Amino acid sequence: MNNYTCAQCGTVGLAEGFIEDAGEHSRGYARWIEGAMERGIFGGAKRIGRTRRQIVAYRCPECGRLELFARDEG
């Protein structure tokens, strides 16, 4: 357990998790990519050369609020 406090209800000790991405061709987890989204020639998001970070989610065991953070990928 950790000492993170829920911004909604004040409960201390949030549960760590992650946001799953089960879409087509996904890697199984979501990432945050820096900058406004731009579409490439085939309609997908341009990602090359952009900073990427893994999204980590903390859930409050009392009210269910999610807090999301973008960590550096190792």
PDB file of N, CA and C in Angstrom:
ATOM      1  N   MET A   1       0.858  -1.187   0.000  1.00  0.00           N
ATOM      2  CA  MET A   1       0.000   0.000   0.000  1.00  0.00           C
ATOM      3  C   MET A   1       0.897   1.242   0.000  1.00  0.00           C
ATOM      4  N   ASN A   2       0.362   2.359  -0.426  1.00  0.00           N
ATOM      5  CA  ASN A   2       1.118   3.613  -0.516  1.00  0.00           C
ATOM      6  C   ASN A   2       0.412   4.685   0.299  1.00  0.00           C
ATOM      7  N   ASN A   3       0.983   5.876   0.291  1.00  0.00           N
ATOM      8  CA  ASN A   3       0.422   6.990   1.056  1.00  0.00           C
ATOM      9  C   ASN A   3      -0.308   8.002   0.183  1.00  0.00           C
ATOM     10  N   TYR A   4      -0.630   7.637  -1.066  1.00  0.00           N
ATOM     11  CA  TYR A   4      -1.371   8.551  -1.934  1.00  0.00           C
ATOM     12  C   TYR A   4      -2.770   8.774  -1.371  1.00  0.00           C
ATOM     13  N   THR A   5      -3.229  10.027  -1.449  1.00  0.00           N
ATOM     14  CA  THR A   5      -4.539  10.396  -0.909  1.00  0.00           C
ATOM     15  C   THR A   5      -5.504  10.696  -2.047  1.00  0.00           C
ATOM     16  N   CYS A   6      -6.719  10.170  -1.937  1.00  0.00           N
ATOM     17  CA  CYS A   6      -7.751  10.408  -2.938  1.00  0.00           C
ATOM     18  C   CYS A   6      -8.161  11.876  -2.920  1.00  0.00           C
ATOM     19  N   ALA A   7      -8.173  12.510  -4.087  1.00  0.00           N
ATOM     20  CA  ALA A   7      -8.557  13.922  -4.202  1.00  0.00           C
ATOM     21  C   ALA A   7     -10.063  14.115  -4.017  1.00  0.00           C
ATOM     22  N   GLN A   8     -10.844  13.047  -4.164  1.00  0.00           N
ATOM     23  CA  GLN A   8     -12.301  13.136  -4.036  1.00  0.00           C
ATOM     24  C   GLN A   8     -12.767  13.013  -2.586  1.00  0.00           C
ATOM     25  N   CYS A   9     -12.339  11.931  -1.888  1.00  0.00           N
ATOM     26  CA  CYS A   9     -12.892  11.650  -0.564  1.00  0.00           C
ATOM     27  C   CYS A   9     -11.862  11.690   0.567  1.00  0.00           C
ATOM     28  N   GLY A  10     -10.561  11.807   0.231  1.00  0.00           N
ATOM     29  CA  GLY A  10      -9.533  11.915   1.255  1.00  0.00           C
ATOM     30  C   GLY A  10      -9.001  10.595   1.791  1.00  0.00           C
ATOM     31  N   THR A  11      -9.442   9.463   1.252  1.00  0.00           N
ATOM     32  CA  THR A  11      -8.944   8.160   1.690  1.00  0.00           C
ATOM     33  C   THR A  11      -7.469   8.032   1.364  1.00  0.00           C
ATOM     34  N   VAL A  12      -6.690   7.501   2.308  1.00  0.00           N
ATOM     35  CA  VAL A  12      -5.250   7.297   2.112  1.00  0.00           C
ATOM     36  C   VAL A  12      -5.020   5.842   1.719  1.00  0.00           C
ATOM     37  N   GLY A  13      -4.138   5.620   0.751  1.00  0.00           N
ATOM     38  CA  GLY A  13      -3.788   4.278   0.322  1.00  0.00           C
ATOM     39  C   GLY A  13      -4.566   3.848  -0.905  1.00  0.00           C
ATOM     40  N   LEU A  14      -4.127   4.315  -2.083  1.00  0.00           N
ATOM     41  CA  LEU A  14      -4.801   3.979  -3.333  1.00  0.00           C
ATOM     42  C   LEU A  14      -4.191   2.721  -3.945  1.00  0.00           C
ATOM     43  N   ALA A  15      -5.002   1.947  -4.663  1.00  0.00           N
ATOM     44  CA  ALA A  15      -4.552   0.709  -5.288  1.00  0.00           C
ATOM     45  C   ALA A  15      -3.969   1.011  -6.668  1.00  0.00           C
ATOM     46  N   GLU A  16      -2.746   0.536  -6.940  1.00  0.00           N
ATOM     47  CA  GLU A  16      -2.092   0.773  -8.220  1.00  0.00           C
ATOM     48  C   GLU A  16      -2.607  -0.193  -9.278  1.00  0.00           C
ATOM     49  N   GLY A  17      -2.727   0.296 -10.519  1.00  0.00           N
ATOM     50  CA  GLY A  17      -3.145  -0.530 -11.642  1.00  0.00           C
ATOM     51  C   GLY A  17      -2.718   0.118 -12.945  1.00  0.00           C
ATOM     52  N   PHE A  18      -3.342  -0.293 -14.052  1.00  0.00           N
ATOM     53  CA  PHE A  18      -3.041   0.308 -15.351  1.00  0.00           C
ATOM     54  C   PHE A  18      -4.286   0.289 -16.214  1.00  0.00           C
ATOM     55  N   ILE A  19      -4.278   1.080 -17.277  1.00  0.00           N
ATOM     56  CA  ILE A  19      -5.391   1.162 -18.212  1.00  0.00           C
ATOM     57  C   ILE A  19      -5.095   0.209 -19.369  1.00  0.00           C
ATOM     58  N   GLU A  20      -5.960  -0.772 -19.591  1.00  0.00           N
ATOM     59  CA  GLU A  20      -5.747  -1.754 -20.646  1.00  0.00           C
ATOM     60  C   GLU A  20      -6.268  -1.214 -21.978  1.00  0.00           C
ATOM     61  N   ASP A  21      -5.526  -1.489 -23.027  1.00  0.00           N
ATOM     62  CA  ASP A  21      -5.949  -1.153 -24.381  1.00  0.00           C
ATOM     63  C   ASP A  21      -6.078  -2.464 -25.141  1.00  0.00           C
ATOM     64  N   ALA A  22      -7.301  -2.872 -25.432  1.00  0.00           N
ATOM     65  CA  ALA A  22      -7.543  -4.144 -26.110  1.00  0.00           C
ATOM     66  C   ALA A  22      -7.920  -3.941 -27.578  1.00  0.00           C
ATOM     67  N   GLY A  23      -7.596  -2.780 -28.110  1.00  0.00           N
ATOM     68  CA  GLY A  23      -7.948  -2.485 -29.496  1.00  0.00           C
ATOM     69  C   GLY A  23      -7.088  -3.237 -30.493  1.00  0.00           C
ATOM     70  N   GLU A  24      -7.439  -3.127 -31.742  1.00  0.00           N
ATOM     71  CA  GLU A  24      -6.714  -3.798 -32.807  1.00  0.00           C
ATOM     72  C   GLU A  24      -5.258  -3.357 -32.842  1.00  0.00           C
ATOM     73  N   HIS A  25      -4.343  -4.296 -32.912  1.00  0.00           N
ATOM     74  CA  HIS A  25      -2.890  -4.064 -32.963  1.00  0.00           C
ATOM     75  C   HIS A  25      -2.358  -3.378 -31.700  1.00  0.00           C
ATOM     76  N   SER A  26      -3.060  -3.492 -30.574  1.00  0.00           N
ATOM     77  CA  SER A  26      -2.608  -2.820 -29.349  1.00  0.00           C
ATOM     78  C   SER A  26      -1.528  -3.627 -28.664  1.00  0.00           C
ATOM     79  N   ARG A  27      -0.802  -2.986 -27.770  1.00  0.00           N
ATOM     80  CA  ARG A  27       0.237  -3.646 -26.986  1.00  0.00           C
ATOM     81  C   ARG A  27      -0.299  -4.122 -25.642  1.00  0.00           C
ATOM     82  N   GLY A  28      -1.569  -3.846 -25.381  1.00  0.00           N
ATOM     83  CA  GLY A  28      -2.169  -4.301 -24.134  1.00  0.00           C
ATOM     84  C   GLY A  28      -2.236  -3.247 -23.051  1.00  0.00           C
ATOM     85  N   TYR A  29      -1.566  -2.132 -23.240  1.00  0.00           N
ATOM     86  CA  TYR A  29      -1.610  -1.057 -22.262  1.00  0.00           C
ATOM     87  C   TYR A  29      -1.613   0.279 -22.995  1.00  0.00           C
ATOM     88  N   ALA A  30      -2.133   1.293 -22.342  1.00  0.00           N
ATOM     89  CA  ALA A  30      -2.225   2.620 -22.954  1.00  0.00           C
ATOM     90  C   ALA A  30      -0.969   3.436 -22.648  1.00  0.00           C
ATOM     91  N   ARG A  31      -0.653   4.374 -23.513  1.00  0.00           N
ATOM     92  CA  ARG A  31       0.461   5.289 -23.305  1.00  0.00           C
ATOM     93  C   ARG A  31       0.000   6.717 -23.541  1.00  0.00           C
ATOM     94  N   TRP A  32       0.663   7.647 -22.878  1.00  0.00           N
ATOM     95  CA  TRP A  32       0.442   9.073 -23.089  1.00  0.00           C
ATOM     96  C   TRP A  32       1.524   9.533 -24.058  1.00  0.00           C
ATOM     97  N   ILE A  33       1.117  10.293 -25.091  1.00  0.00           N
ATOM     98  CA  ILE A  33       2.071  10.803 -26.079  1.00  0.00           C
ATOM     99  C   ILE A  33       1.991  12.317 -26.078  1.00  0.00           C
ATOM    100  N   GLU A  34       3.141  12.948 -25.950  1.00  0.00           N
ATOM    101  CA  GLU A  34       3.214  14.404 -25.817  1.00  0.00           C
ATOM    102  C   GLU A  34       2.773  15.119 -27.094  1.00  0.00           C
ATOM    103  N   GLY A  35       2.071  16.230 -26.931  1.00  0.00           N
ATOM    104  CA  GLY A  35       1.666  17.076 -28.043  1.00  0.00           C
ATOM    105  C   GLY A  35       0.267  16.774 -28.543  1.00  0.00           C
ATOM    106  N   ALA A  36      -0.259  17.717 -29.306  1.00  0.00           N
ATOM    107  CA  ALA A  36      -1.589  17.543 -29.889  1.00  0.00           C
ATOM    108  C   ALA A  36      -1.548  16.425 -30.928  1.00  0.00           C
ATOM    109  N   MET A  37      -2.649  15.686 -31.061  1.00  0.00           N
ATOM    110  CA  MET A  37      -2.692  14.588 -32.010  1.00  0.00           C
ATOM    111  C   MET A  37      -2.760  15.104 -33.443  1.00  0.00           C
ATOM    112  N   GLU A  38      -1.901  14.526 -34.270  1.00  0.00           N
ATOM    113  CA  GLU A  38      -1.916  14.807 -35.699  1.00  0.00           C
ATOM    114  C   GLU A  38      -2.105  13.476 -36.405  1.00  0.00           C
ATOM    115  N   ARG A  39      -2.878  13.469 -37.467  1.00  0.00           N
ATOM    116  CA  ARG A  39      -3.123  12.238 -38.213  1.00  0.00           C
ATOM    117  C   ARG A  39      -2.148  12.128 -39.380  1.00  0.00           C
ATOM    118  N   GLY A  40      -1.708  10.911 -39.620  1.00  0.00           N
ATOM    119  CA  GLY A  40      -0.821  10.628 -40.742  1.00  0.00           C
ATOM    120  C   GLY A  40      -1.611  10.412 -42.018  1.00  0.00           C
ATOM    121  N   ILE A  41      -0.917  10.020 -43.059  1.00  0.00           N
ATOM    122  CA  ILE A  41      -1.519   9.854 -44.372  1.00  0.00           C
ATOM    123  C   ILE A  41      -2.595   8.773 -44.399  1.00  0.00           C
ATOM    124  N   PHE A  42      -2.491   7.749 -43.539  1.00  0.00           N
ATOM    125  CA  PHE A  42      -3.479   6.667 -43.513  1.00  0.00           C
ATOM    126  C   PHE A  42      -4.501   6.837 -42.387  1.00  0.00           C
ATOM    127  N   GLY A  43      -4.504   7.979 -41.715  1.00  0.00           N
ATOM    128  CA  GLY A  43      -5.505   8.276 -40.697  1.00  0.00           C
ATOM    129  C   GLY A  43      -5.108   7.960 -39.270  1.00  0.00           C
ATOM    130  N   GLY A  44      -4.000   7.251 -39.078  1.00  0.00           N
ATOM    131  CA  GLY A  44      -3.540   6.937 -37.727  1.00  0.00           C
ATOM    132  C   GLY A  44      -2.798   8.112 -37.114  1.00  0.00           C
ATOM    133  N   ALA A  45      -2.596   8.059 -35.808  1.00  0.00           N
ATOM    134  CA  ALA A  45      -1.903   9.138 -35.107  1.00  0.00           C
ATOM    135  C   ALA A  45      -0.405   9.113 -35.402  1.00  0.00           C
ATOM    136  N   LYS A  46       0.173  10.284 -35.644  1.00  0.00           N
ATOM    137  CA  LYS A  46       1.625  10.397 -35.821  1.00  0.00           C
ATOM    138  C   LYS A  46       2.279  10.277 -34.448  1.00  0.00           C
ATOM    139  N   ARG A  47       3.234   9.342 -34.309  1.00  0.00           N
ATOM    140  CA  ARG A  47       3.892   9.108 -33.025  1.00  0.00           C
ATOM    141  C   ARG A  47       5.406   9.190 -33.103  1.00  0.00           C
ATOM    142  N   ILE A  48       5.966   9.082 -34.272  1.00  0.00           N
ATOM    143  CA  ILE A  48       7.418   9.010 -34.424  1.00  0.00           C
ATOM    144  C   ILE A  48       8.071  10.287 -33.905  1.00  0.00           C
ATOM    145  N   GLY A  49       9.083  10.108 -33.064  1.00  0.00           N
ATOM    146  CA  GLY A  49       9.838  11.230 -32.529  1.00  0.00           C
ATOM    147  C   GLY A  49       9.193  11.933 -31.347  1.00  0.00           C
ATOM    148  N   ARG A  50       8.083  11.419 -30.852  1.00  0.00           N
ATOM    149  CA  ARG A  50       7.387  12.049 -29.730  1.00  0.00           C
ATOM    150  C   ARG A  50       7.675  11.316 -28.426  1.00  0.00           C
ATOM    151  N   THR A  51       7.663  12.064 -27.343  1.00  0.00           N
ATOM    152  CA  THR A  51       7.844  11.480 -26.019  1.00  0.00           C
ATOM    153  C   THR A  51       6.647  10.609 -25.672  1.00  0.00           C
ATOM    154  N   ARG A  52       6.914   9.403 -25.160  1.00  0.00           N
ATOM    155  CA  ARG A  52       5.860   8.463 -24.763  1.00  0.00           C
ATOM    156  C   ARG A  52       6.052   8.082 -23.307  1.00  0.00           C
ATOM    157  N   ARG A  53       4.956   7.964 -22.600  1.00  0.00           N
ATOM    158  CA  ARG A  53       5.015   7.568 -21.195  1.00  0.00           C
ATOM    159  C   ARG A  53       3.915   6.565 -20.893  1.00  0.00           C
ATOM    160  N   GLN A  54       4.235   5.598 -20.050  1.00  0.00           N
ATOM    161  CA  GLN A  54       3.246   4.615 -19.623  1.00  0.00           C
ATOM    162  C   GLN A  54       2.264   5.281 -18.678  1.00  0.00           C
ATOM    163  N   ILE A  55       0.979   4.959 -18.837  1.00  0.00           N
ATOM    164  CA  ILE A  55      -0.058   5.491 -17.943  1.00  0.00           C
ATOM    165  C   ILE A  55      -0.240   4.529 -16.780  1.00  0.00           C
ATOM    166  N   VAL A  56      -0.106   5.059 -15.566  1.00  0.00           N
ATOM    167  CA  VAL A  56      -0.326   4.280 -14.349  1.00  0.00           C
ATOM    168  C   VAL A  56      -1.574   4.839 -13.680  1.00  0.00           C
ATOM    169  N   ALA A  57      -2.445   3.956 -13.240  1.00  0.00           N
ATOM    170  CA  ALA A  57      -3.710   4.369 -12.626  1.00  0.00           C
ATOM    171  C   ALA A  57      -3.747   3.948 -11.163  1.00  0.00           C
ATOM    172  N   TYR A  58      -4.247   4.830 -10.319  1.00  0.00           N
ATOM    173  CA  TYR A  58      -4.474   4.514  -8.907  1.00  0.00           C
ATOM    174  C   TYR A  58      -5.965   4.648  -8.642  1.00  0.00           C
ATOM    175  N   ARG A  59      -6.551   3.641  -7.979  1.00  0.00           N
ATOM    176  CA  ARG A  59      -7.986   3.624  -7.711  1.00  0.00           C
ATOM    177  C   ARG A  59      -8.232   3.729  -6.217  1.00  0.00           C
ATOM    178  N   CYS A  60      -9.160   4.593  -5.844  1.00  0.00           N
ATOM    179  CA  CYS A  60      -9.546   4.737  -4.446  1.00  0.00           C
ATOM    180  C   CYS A  60     -10.435   3.555  -4.054  1.00  0.00           C
ATOM    181  N   PRO A  61     -10.103   2.840  -2.964  1.00  0.00           N
ATOM    182  CA  PRO A  61     -10.922   1.695  -2.556  1.00  0.00           C
ATOM    183  C   PRO A  61     -12.275   2.097  -1.963  1.00  0.00           C
ATOM    184  N   GLU A  62     -12.440   3.369  -1.608  1.00  0.00           N
ATOM    185  CA  GLU A  62     -13.698   3.840  -1.006  1.00  0.00           C
ATOM    186  C   GLU A  62     -14.689   4.360  -2.042  1.00  0.00           C
ATOM    187  N   CYS A  63     -14.257   5.324  -2.863  1.00  0.00           N
ATOM    188  CA  CYS A  63     -15.204   5.956  -3.795  1.00  0.00           C
ATOM    189  C   CYS A  63     -15.006   5.544  -5.254  1.00  0.00           C
ATOM    190  N   GLY A  64     -13.905   4.850  -5.566  1.00  0.00           N
ATOM    191  CA  GLY A  64     -13.668   4.365  -6.915  1.00  0.00           C
ATOM    192  C   GLY A  64     -13.012   5.360  -7.864  1.00  0.00           C
ATOM    193  N   ARG A  65     -12.697   6.556  -7.404  1.00  0.00           N
ATOM    194  CA  ARG A  65     -12.069   7.566  -8.267  1.00  0.00           C
ATOM    195  C   ARG A  65     -10.738   7.044  -8.795  1.00  0.00           C
ATOM    196  N   LEU A  66     -10.455   7.338 -10.069  1.00  0.00           N
ATOM    197  CA  LEU A  66      -9.170   6.989 -10.663  1.00  0.00           C
ATOM    198  C   LEU A  66      -8.295   8.222 -10.787  1.00  0.00           C
ATOM    199  N   GLU A  67      -7.041   8.075 -10.424  1.00  0.00           N
ATOM    200  CA  GLU A  67      -6.022   9.114 -10.615  1.00  0.00           C
ATOM    201  C   GLU A  67      -5.033   8.545 -11.621  1.00  0.00           C
ATOM    202  N   LEU A  68      -4.785   9.258 -12.726  1.00  0.00           N
ATOM    203  CA  LEU A  68      -3.878   8.788 -13.764  1.00  0.00           C
ATOM    204  C   LEU A  68      -2.598   9.590 -13.774  1.00  0.00           C
ATOM    205  N   PHE A  69      -1.465   8.901 -13.967  1.00  0.00           N
ATOM    206  CA  PHE A  69      -0.154   9.529 -14.017  1.00  0.00           C
ATOM    207  C   PHE A  69       0.611   8.959 -15.208  1.00  0.00           C
ATOM    208  N   ALA A  70       1.415   9.786 -15.855  1.00  0.00           N
ATOM    209  CA  ALA A  70       2.221   9.351 -16.988  1.00  0.00           C
ATOM    210  C   ALA A  70       3.672   9.218 -16.525  1.00  0.00           C
ATOM    211  N   ARG A  71       4.144   7.981 -16.392  1.00  0.00           N
ATOM    212  CA  ARG A  71       5.515   7.701 -15.955  1.00  0.00           C
ATOM    213  C   ARG A  71       6.433   7.555 -17.149  1.00  0.00           C
ATOM    214  N   ASP A  72       7.718   7.877 -16.937  1.00  0.00           N
ATOM    215  CA  ASP A  72       8.701   7.661 -17.970  1.00  0.00           C
ATOM    216  C   ASP A  72       8.814   6.162 -18.246  1.00  0.00           C
ATOM    217  N   GLU A  73       8.928   5.786 -19.517  1.00  0.00           N
ATOM    218  CA  GLU A  73       9.117   4.393 -19.867  1.00  0.00           C
ATOM    219  C   GLU A  73      10.598   4.087 -19.753  1.00  0.00           C
ATOM    220  N   GLY A  74      10.910   2.962 -19.135  1.00  0.00           N
ATOM    221  CA  GLY A  74      12.300   2.590 -18.897  1.00  0.00           C
ATOM    222  C   GLY A  74      12.910   1.911 -19.994  1.00  0.00           C
TER     223      GLY A  74
END
